[in-house]
Amino acid sequence: MAIKVMLDALSGLPNPVWTLDAQQEQEFWARLETLAPVQARDAIERPNLLGYRGFSLQATGPAPAETITIYGGTVWQGSASLRDAGRALEKWLLKTAPASVNPMLIAQINQELGT
């Protein structure tokens, strides 16, 4: 299975996209498994605004393709909402960005994430 990550942060320009390597992919699934479910009323809504809007992941492989969205401490996986306490998964995903992603964009998002 491969996981393609899109950093949803640019308006009017292509968003950065990269693929997690095998070790990162294993770590992603391990981190995801530790997240607790969130009641629908407690899950934040994904913003309709300019600038940083989180991550959209496409997991493909032998199993059916799956889209996972992560923003603001909430992970949406199918019909489930999970709590990303401290936005730890978001922060980790940002660290997986390749050097080709604009460092100023990374710094701006790190500031928003409180890192």
N, C-alpha and C. Protein backbone atom coordinates (compact mmCIF):
# COMPACT_ATOMS: atom_id res chain seq x y z
N MET A 1 0.85 -1.17 0.00
CA MET A 1 0.00 0.00 0.00
C MET A 1 0.89 1.24 0.00
N ALA A 2 0.51 2.25 -0.75
CA ALA A 2 1.25 3.50 -0.79
C ALA A 2 0.37 4.62 -0.23
N ILE A 3 1.00 5.58 0.43
CA ILE A 3 0.26 6.73 0.96
C ILE A 3 0.82 7.99 0.33
N LYS A 4 -0.04 8.67 -0.42
CA LYS A 4 0.30 9.95 -1.03
C LYS A 4 -0.25 11.05 -0.13
N VAL A 5 0.61 11.99 0.23
CA VAL A 5 0.24 13.08 1.13
C VAL A 5 0.14 14.37 0.34
N MET A 6 -0.97 15.10 0.52
CA MET A 6 -1.10 16.43 -0.06
C MET A 6 -1.22 17.42 1.08
N LEU A 7 -0.33 18.40 1.10
CA LEU A 7 -0.39 19.50 2.05
C LEU A 7 -1.31 20.55 1.45
N ASP A 8 -2.50 20.68 2.00
CA ASP A 8 -3.52 21.59 1.46
C ASP A 8 -3.29 22.98 2.04
N ALA A 9 -2.51 23.78 1.34
CA ALA A 9 -2.11 25.07 1.91
C ALA A 9 -2.03 26.20 0.89
N LEU A 10 -2.10 25.89 -0.37
CA LEU A 10 -1.91 26.92 -1.38
C LEU A 10 -3.21 27.15 -2.14
N SER A 11 -3.54 28.39 -2.32
CA SER A 11 -4.74 28.75 -3.07
C SER A 11 -4.31 29.28 -4.43
N GLY A 12 -4.80 28.64 -5.48
CA GLY A 12 -4.46 29.08 -6.82
C GLY A 12 -3.18 28.48 -7.37
N LEU A 13 -2.46 27.75 -6.56
CA LEU A 13 -1.23 27.07 -6.98
C LEU A 13 -1.34 25.60 -6.61
N PRO A 14 -0.59 24.74 -7.30
CA PRO A 14 -0.64 23.32 -6.92
C PRO A 14 -0.12 23.11 -5.49
N ASN A 15 -0.83 22.30 -4.73
CA ASN A 15 -0.39 21.97 -3.38
C ASN A 15 0.75 20.97 -3.43
N PRO A 16 1.68 21.04 -2.47
CA PRO A 16 2.77 20.05 -2.41
C PRO A 16 2.21 18.65 -2.18
N VAL A 17 2.77 17.68 -2.90
CA VAL A 17 2.36 16.28 -2.79
C VAL A 17 3.62 15.43 -2.71
N TRP A 18 3.60 14.43 -1.82
CA TRP A 18 4.71 13.48 -1.73
C TRP A 18 4.18 12.13 -1.27
N THR A 19 5.00 11.12 -1.41
CA THR A 19 4.62 9.77 -1.00
C THR A 19 5.48 9.35 0.19
N LEU A 20 4.82 8.81 1.20
CA LEU A 20 5.57 8.32 2.37
C LEU A 20 6.38 7.10 1.98
N ASP A 21 7.59 7.00 2.53
CA ASP A 21 8.38 5.78 2.29
C ASP A 21 7.83 4.67 3.19
N ALA A 22 8.35 3.46 3.04
CA ALA A 22 7.80 2.30 3.75
C ALA A 22 7.84 2.47 5.26
N GLN A 23 8.93 3.01 5.79
CA GLN A 23 9.05 3.20 7.24
C GLN A 23 8.05 4.26 7.72
N GLN A 24 7.94 5.36 6.98
CA GLN A 24 6.97 6.41 7.34
C GLN A 24 5.55 5.88 7.27
N GLU A 25 5.29 5.06 6.28
CA GLU A 25 3.95 4.49 6.13
C GLU A 25 3.59 3.63 7.34
N GLN A 26 4.51 2.78 7.78
CA GLN A 26 4.28 1.95 8.97
C GLN A 26 4.05 2.82 10.19
N GLU A 27 4.85 3.87 10.33
CA GLU A 27 4.69 4.77 11.47
C GLU A 27 3.35 5.49 11.42
N PHE A 28 2.94 5.91 10.23
CA PHE A 28 1.65 6.58 10.10
C PHE A 28 0.52 5.68 10.60
N TRP A 29 0.47 4.44 10.11
CA TRP A 29 -0.60 3.53 10.51
C TRP A 29 -0.54 3.26 12.02
N ALA A 30 0.67 3.12 12.58
CA ALA A 30 0.81 2.89 14.02
C ALA A 30 0.29 4.10 14.80
N ARG A 31 0.61 5.29 14.36
CA ARG A 31 0.12 6.51 15.03
C ARG A 31 -1.40 6.60 14.91
N LEU A 32 -1.93 6.28 13.74
CA LEU A 32 -3.37 6.37 13.51
C LEU A 32 -4.12 5.42 14.44
N GLU A 33 -3.58 4.22 14.65
CA GLU A 33 -4.23 3.22 15.50
C GLU A 33 -4.36 3.66 16.95
N THR A 34 -3.52 4.61 17.39
CA THR A 34 -3.57 5.06 18.78
C THR A 34 -4.61 6.14 19.03
N LEU A 35 -5.21 6.68 17.97
CA LEU A 35 -6.14 7.80 18.13
C LEU A 35 -7.51 7.33 18.58
N ALA A 36 -8.09 8.09 19.47
CA ALA A 36 -9.41 7.76 20.01
C ALA A 36 -10.52 8.38 19.16
N PRO A 37 -11.68 7.72 19.11
CA PRO A 37 -12.81 8.28 18.37
C PRO A 37 -13.28 9.59 19.00
N VAL A 38 -13.86 10.43 18.16
CA VAL A 38 -14.41 11.71 18.59
C VAL A 38 -15.90 11.69 18.32
N GLN A 39 -16.67 12.21 19.25
CA GLN A 39 -18.10 12.37 18.98
C GLN A 39 -18.25 13.39 17.86
N ALA A 40 -19.19 13.18 16.98
CA ALA A 40 -19.38 14.06 15.82
C ALA A 40 -19.49 15.52 16.24
N ARG A 41 -20.16 15.80 17.34
CA ARG A 41 -20.34 17.19 17.76
C ARG A 41 -19.03 17.84 18.23
N ASP A 42 -18.04 17.00 18.60
CA ASP A 42 -16.76 17.52 19.07
C ASP A 42 -15.73 17.68 17.96
N ALA A 43 -15.98 17.08 16.82
CA ALA A 43 -15.04 17.19 15.69
C ALA A 43 -15.17 18.57 15.07
N ILE A 44 -14.03 19.19 14.80
CA ILE A 44 -14.09 20.48 14.15
C ILE A 44 -14.41 20.28 12.67
N GLU A 45 -14.91 21.32 12.04
CA GLU A 45 -15.15 21.25 10.61
C GLU A 45 -13.92 21.75 9.88
N ARG A 46 -13.67 21.16 8.74
CA ARG A 46 -12.55 21.58 7.92
C ARG A 46 -12.86 22.95 7.36
N PRO A 47 -11.93 23.90 7.46
CA PRO A 47 -12.22 25.27 7.07
C PRO A 47 -12.33 25.46 5.55
N ASN A 48 -13.16 26.41 5.18
CA ASN A 48 -13.24 26.87 3.80
C ASN A 48 -12.57 28.23 3.77
N LEU A 49 -11.27 28.24 3.77
CA LEU A 49 -10.54 29.50 3.81
C LEU A 49 -9.27 29.39 3.00
N LEU A 50 -8.62 30.52 2.85
CA LEU A 50 -7.33 30.53 2.17
C LEU A 50 -6.25 30.12 3.16
N GLY A 51 -5.17 29.59 2.67
CA GLY A 51 -4.07 29.20 3.54
C GLY A 51 -4.16 27.75 3.96
N TYR A 52 -3.56 27.43 5.09
CA TYR A 52 -3.44 26.05 5.55
C TYR A 52 -4.80 25.45 5.85
N ARG A 53 -5.07 24.30 5.23
CA ARG A 53 -6.33 23.57 5.42
C ARG A 53 -6.07 22.10 5.77
N GLY A 54 -4.87 21.79 6.21
CA GLY A 54 -4.57 20.44 6.66
C GLY A 54 -3.94 19.55 5.61
N PHE A 55 -4.10 18.24 5.82
CA PHE A 55 -3.52 17.23 4.94
C PHE A 55 -4.63 16.35 4.39
N SER A 56 -4.47 15.95 3.15
CA SER A 56 -5.35 14.97 2.54
C SER A 56 -4.46 13.82 2.08
N LEU A 57 -4.76 12.63 2.56
CA LEU A 57 -3.94 11.46 2.23
C LEU A 57 -4.74 10.49 1.39
N GLN A 58 -4.09 9.91 0.40
CA GLN A 58 -4.67 8.86 -0.43
C GLN A 58 -3.87 7.59 -0.19
N ALA A 59 -4.52 6.61 0.41
CA ALA A 59 -3.89 5.31 0.63
C ALA A 59 -4.37 4.37 -0.47
N THR A 60 -3.44 3.86 -1.24
CA THR A 60 -3.79 2.97 -2.35
C THR A 60 -2.99 1.69 -2.24
N GLY A 61 -3.48 0.67 -2.86
CA GLY A 61 -2.77 -0.61 -2.85
C GLY A 61 -3.74 -1.74 -3.11
N PRO A 62 -3.45 -2.91 -2.54
CA PRO A 62 -4.31 -4.06 -2.77
C PRO A 62 -5.73 -3.83 -2.24
N ALA A 63 -5.84 -3.11 -1.12
CA ALA A 63 -7.17 -2.80 -0.57
C ALA A 63 -7.76 -1.63 -1.36
N PRO A 64 -9.07 -1.40 -1.25
CA PRO A 64 -9.66 -0.25 -1.93
C PRO A 64 -9.01 1.05 -1.48
N ALA A 65 -8.93 2.01 -2.38
CA ALA A 65 -8.34 3.31 -2.06
C ALA A 65 -9.11 3.96 -0.92
N GLU A 66 -8.40 4.70 -0.11
CA GLU A 66 -8.99 5.33 1.06
C GLU A 66 -8.46 6.77 1.16
N THR A 67 -9.34 7.72 1.46
CA THR A 67 -8.94 9.10 1.68
C THR A 67 -9.04 9.41 3.17
N ILE A 68 -7.98 10.00 3.69
CA ILE A 68 -7.92 10.40 5.09
C ILE A 68 -7.61 11.88 5.12
N THR A 69 -8.38 12.64 5.89
CA THR A 69 -8.19 14.08 6.00
C THR A 69 -7.82 14.42 7.43
N ILE A 70 -6.83 15.30 7.59
CA ILE A 70 -6.34 15.66 8.93
C ILE A 70 -6.23 17.17 9.02
N TYR A 71 -6.90 17.74 10.04
CA TYR A 71 -6.81 19.17 10.26
C TYR A 71 -7.30 19.51 11.66
N GLY A 72 -6.61 20.42 12.32
CA GLY A 72 -7.07 21.01 13.56
C GLY A 72 -7.29 20.05 14.71
N GLY A 73 -6.57 18.94 14.73
CA GLY A 73 -6.72 17.99 15.82
C GLY A 73 -7.78 16.94 15.58
N THR A 74 -8.32 16.88 14.35
CA THR A 74 -9.29 15.86 13.99
C THR A 74 -8.81 15.12 12.75
N VAL A 75 -9.04 13.82 12.74
CA VAL A 75 -8.73 12.97 11.59
C VAL A 75 -10.04 12.38 11.11
N TRP A 76 -10.33 12.53 9.83
CA TRP A 76 -11.53 11.95 9.23
C TRP A 76 -11.08 10.77 8.38
N GLN A 77 -11.53 9.59 8.74
CA GLN A 77 -11.19 8.36 8.01
C GLN A 77 -12.50 7.64 7.73
N GLY A 78 -12.97 7.72 6.49
CA GLY A 78 -14.28 7.18 6.17
C GLY A 78 -15.34 7.91 6.97
N SER A 79 -16.18 7.17 7.66
CA SER A 79 -17.23 7.80 8.47
C SER A 79 -16.77 8.07 9.90
N ALA A 80 -15.54 7.69 10.23
CA ALA A 80 -15.02 7.88 11.59
C ALA A 80 -14.30 9.22 11.73
N SER A 81 -14.44 9.80 12.91
CA SER A 81 -13.66 10.99 13.29
C SER A 81 -12.81 10.61 14.48
N LEU A 82 -11.53 10.94 14.43
CA LEU A 82 -10.59 10.58 15.48
C LEU A 82 -9.94 11.84 16.03
N ARG A 83 -9.59 11.82 17.32
CA ARG A 83 -8.94 12.95 17.97
C ARG A 83 -7.44 12.86 17.82
N ASP A 84 -6.84 13.89 17.22
CA ASP A 84 -5.39 14.01 17.09
C ASP A 84 -4.91 14.98 18.16
N ALA A 85 -4.76 14.47 19.38
CA ALA A 85 -4.41 15.31 20.53
C ALA A 85 -3.12 16.07 20.27
N GLY A 86 -3.17 17.37 20.53
CA GLY A 86 -1.99 18.21 20.33
C GLY A 86 -1.57 18.34 18.88
N ARG A 87 -2.45 17.88 17.98
CA ARG A 87 -2.17 17.91 16.54
C ARG A 87 -0.87 17.16 16.21
N ALA A 88 -0.58 16.13 17.00
CA ALA A 88 0.67 15.39 16.86
C ALA A 88 0.82 14.74 15.49
N LEU A 89 -0.26 14.18 14.95
CA LEU A 89 -0.17 13.54 13.64
C LEU A 89 0.07 14.59 12.55
N GLU A 90 -0.58 15.73 12.67
CA GLU A 90 -0.35 16.83 11.72
C GLU A 90 1.11 17.26 11.75
N LYS A 91 1.64 17.45 12.94
CA LYS A 91 3.04 17.89 13.10
C LYS A 91 4.00 16.85 12.52
N TRP A 92 3.71 15.58 12.77
CA TRP A 92 4.57 14.52 12.25
C TRP A 92 4.52 14.49 10.73
N LEU A 93 3.33 14.59 10.15
CA LEU A 93 3.22 14.59 8.69
C LEU A 93 3.99 15.74 8.07
N LEU A 94 3.94 16.91 8.68
CA LEU A 94 4.68 18.05 8.15
C LEU A 94 6.18 17.75 8.12
N LYS A 95 6.66 17.02 9.13
CA LYS A 95 8.08 16.65 9.17
C LYS A 95 8.47 15.68 8.06
N THR A 96 7.50 14.99 7.47
CA THR A 96 7.81 14.05 6.39
C THR A 96 7.93 14.76 5.04
N ALA A 97 7.62 16.04 5.00
CA ALA A 97 7.68 16.77 3.72
C ALA A 97 9.10 16.77 3.18
N PRO A 98 9.24 16.55 1.89
CA PRO A 98 10.58 16.55 1.29
C PRO A 98 11.15 17.97 1.23
N ALA A 99 12.46 18.05 1.02
CA ALA A 99 13.15 19.34 0.96
C ALA A 99 12.63 20.22 -0.17
N SER A 100 11.96 19.62 -1.14
CA SER A 100 11.45 20.41 -2.27
C SER A 100 10.25 21.29 -1.90
N VAL A 101 9.65 21.04 -0.72
CA VAL A 101 8.54 21.88 -0.28
C VAL A 101 9.12 23.18 0.27
N ASN A 102 8.55 24.30 -0.15
CA ASN A 102 9.04 25.62 0.20
C ASN A 102 9.24 25.74 1.72
N PRO A 103 10.48 26.03 2.16
CA PRO A 103 10.76 26.14 3.60
C PRO A 103 9.94 27.24 4.29
N MET A 104 9.62 28.31 3.56
CA MET A 104 8.82 29.37 4.15
C MET A 104 7.40 28.88 4.44
N LEU A 105 6.87 28.03 3.55
CA LEU A 105 5.55 27.44 3.76
C LEU A 105 5.58 26.53 4.98
N ILE A 106 6.62 25.71 5.09
CA ILE A 106 6.77 24.82 6.25
C ILE A 106 6.83 25.64 7.54
N ALA A 107 7.61 26.72 7.54
CA ALA A 107 7.74 27.56 8.73
C ALA A 107 6.40 28.18 9.12
N GLN A 108 5.65 28.64 8.12
CA GLN A 108 4.35 29.25 8.38
C GLN A 108 3.39 28.23 9.01
N ILE A 109 3.38 27.01 8.49
CA ILE A 109 2.49 25.99 9.02
C ILE A 109 2.96 25.53 10.40
N ASN A 110 4.27 25.42 10.61
CA ASN A 110 4.78 25.10 11.93
C ASN A 110 4.31 26.13 12.96
N GLN A 111 4.30 27.39 12.56
CA GLN A 111 3.83 28.44 13.46
C GLN A 111 2.36 28.24 13.79
N GLU A 112 1.56 27.92 12.78
CA GLU A 112 0.14 27.68 13.02
C GLU A 112 -0.09 26.47 13.91
N LEU A 113 0.76 25.45 13.76
CA LEU A 113 0.64 24.24 14.57
C LEU A 113 1.24 24.41 15.97
N GLY A 114 1.90 25.52 16.20
CA GLY A 114 2.47 25.77 17.52
C GLY A 114 3.76 25.04 17.77
N THR A 115 4.52 24.76 16.69
CA THR A 115 5.81 24.08 16.89
C THR A 115 6.95 25.05 16.68
